[in-house]
Amino acid sequence: GIKNLMSKSRVCYYYDADIGSYYYGGGHPMKPHRLRLTHNLLLNYGLYRKMEVYRPHLATDDELSQFHFSEYIDFLKKISPENRKDFLHPLNKFNLGEYTDCPVFDGLYKFCQS
């Protein structure tokens, strides 16, 4: 039954230490450094011993294209805080930017690959 299923369940934990180095901007609620803090709690409390711990690889363009159009992937490669004003139409099209849930920040493409 369910009890037997639960006893065989495993928790998989994916963590990349670099993910905590990104900064979404002051007004955004996501603070990637919190991921680093959570990871430290898992280590200090020994919870990692009860999990399968993995470090994800950076997704290739082929892997990303299984979920996103190539136009969007190319856009993510080009966009940066410095040039975002040159991409106003694509920013609106893809719903990225300052007043969205998806800000443009340094390293955005690599972050998306993670």
Protein backbone atom coordinates (compact mmCIF):
# COMPACT_ATOMS: atom_id res chain seq x y z
CA GLY A 1 0.00 0.00 0.00
CA ILE A 2 0.92 3.63 0.48
CA LYS A 3 3.10 2.94 3.51
CA ASN A 4 5.25 0.57 1.46
CA LEU A 5 5.51 3.13 -1.34
CA MET A 6 6.57 5.90 1.04
CA SER A 7 9.28 3.79 2.66
CA LYS A 8 10.88 3.34 -0.77
CA SER A 9 10.62 7.00 -1.73
CA ARG A 10 13.82 8.94 -2.22
CA VAL A 11 14.40 12.64 -2.10
CA CYS A 12 16.61 14.03 -4.83
CA TYR A 13 18.24 17.39 -4.21
CA TYR A 14 19.76 19.42 -7.02
CA TYR A 15 22.12 22.20 -6.04
CA ASP A 16 24.56 24.38 -7.90
CA ALA A 17 26.65 26.65 -5.66
CA ASP A 18 26.84 29.29 -8.40
CA ILE A 19 23.06 29.84 -8.35
CA GLY A 20 23.33 31.86 -5.14
CA SER A 21 25.59 34.39 -6.83
CA TYR A 22 22.94 35.97 -9.04
CA TYR A 23 21.14 39.16 -8.13
CA TYR A 24 17.62 39.80 -9.44
CA GLY A 25 17.55 43.41 -8.24
CA GLY A 26 16.46 45.11 -5.05
CA GLY A 27 12.73 45.10 -5.72
CA HIS A 28 12.44 41.43 -6.68
CA PRO A 29 11.31 38.97 -3.98
CA MET A 30 13.66 36.19 -5.15
CA LYS A 31 16.96 36.36 -3.35
CA PRO A 32 19.18 33.59 -4.71
CA HIS A 33 21.52 33.86 -1.72
CA ARG A 34 18.67 32.26 0.25
CA LEU A 35 19.34 29.09 -1.74
CA ARG A 36 22.89 29.14 -0.40
CA LEU A 37 21.57 29.57 3.14
CA THR A 38 19.15 26.67 2.68
CA HIS A 39 21.98 24.51 1.39
CA ASN A 40 24.06 25.35 4.47
CA LEU A 41 21.15 24.27 6.70
CA LEU A 42 20.93 20.94 4.86
CA LEU A 43 24.64 20.41 5.42
CA ASN A 44 24.72 21.50 9.06
CA TYR A 45 21.70 19.42 10.05
CA GLY A 46 22.97 16.41 8.11
CA LEU A 47 19.82 16.21 5.99
CA TYR A 48 21.92 15.63 2.87
CA ARG A 49 22.66 12.14 4.20
CA LYS A 50 19.02 11.23 3.64
CA MET A 51 18.95 12.52 0.06
CA GLU A 52 20.46 11.84 -3.28
CA VAL A 53 22.44 15.02 -3.98
CA TYR A 54 23.17 16.10 -7.54
CA ARG A 55 24.81 19.08 -9.19
CA PRO A 56 22.99 19.84 -12.43
CA HIS A 57 24.95 20.39 -15.62
CA LEU A 58 24.44 23.50 -17.72
CA ALA A 59 21.70 22.77 -20.22
CA THR A 60 22.74 22.79 -23.86
CA ASP A 61 20.83 24.71 -26.52
CA ASP A 62 19.37 21.39 -27.71
CA GLU A 63 18.10 20.65 -24.21
CA LEU A 64 16.67 24.14 -23.79
CA SER A 65 14.97 23.90 -27.19
CA GLN A 66 12.90 20.99 -25.89
CA PHE A 67 11.01 23.57 -23.81
CA HIS A 68 11.65 26.93 -25.50
CA PHE A 69 11.67 28.35 -29.03
CA SER A 70 15.10 29.09 -30.50
CA GLU A 71 14.12 32.76 -30.84
CA TYR A 72 13.73 32.97 -27.06
CA ILE A 73 17.01 31.13 -26.38
CA ASP A 74 18.87 33.47 -28.77
CA PHE A 75 17.28 36.46 -27.03
CA LEU A 76 18.44 35.21 -23.61
CA LYS A 77 21.99 34.93 -24.96
CA LYS A 78 21.97 38.55 -26.16
CA ILE A 79 20.10 40.45 -23.45
CA SER A 80 21.95 42.17 -20.61
CA PRO A 81 21.26 45.05 -18.22
CA GLU A 82 23.47 47.26 -20.38
CA ASN A 83 21.66 46.64 -23.70
CA ARG A 84 18.08 45.97 -22.56
CA LYS A 85 16.85 49.28 -24.03
CA ASP A 86 17.83 47.94 -27.48
CA PHE A 87 15.42 45.01 -26.97
CA LEU A 88 12.17 46.70 -25.88
CA HIS A 89 9.94 44.72 -28.25
CA PRO A 90 11.38 41.29 -27.36
CA LEU A 91 11.31 42.21 -23.66
CA ASN A 92 7.57 42.81 -23.94
CA LYS A 93 7.05 39.78 -26.16
CA PHE A 94 8.80 37.45 -23.72
CA ASN A 95 7.54 39.25 -20.60
CA LEU A 96 10.98 40.07 -19.21
CA GLY A 97 12.12 43.30 -17.65
CA GLU A 98 12.09 45.57 -14.67
CA TYR A 99 8.37 45.41 -13.85
CA THR A 100 7.90 41.69 -14.44
CA ASP A 101 8.56 38.54 -12.49
CA CYS A 102 11.57 37.90 -14.77
CA PRO A 103 14.13 40.70 -14.51
CA VAL A 104 17.15 41.07 -16.76
CA PHE A 105 20.38 40.62 -14.82
CA ASP A 106 24.03 39.83 -15.46
CA GLY A 107 24.46 36.17 -16.31
CA LEU A 108 20.78 35.59 -17.17
CA TYR A 109 21.46 33.02 -19.91
CA LYS A 110 23.83 30.97 -17.75
CA PHE A 111 21.31 31.16 -14.92
CA CYS A 112 18.65 29.77 -17.27
CA GLN A 113 20.99 26.95 -18.25
CA SER A 114 21.39 25.94 -14.61
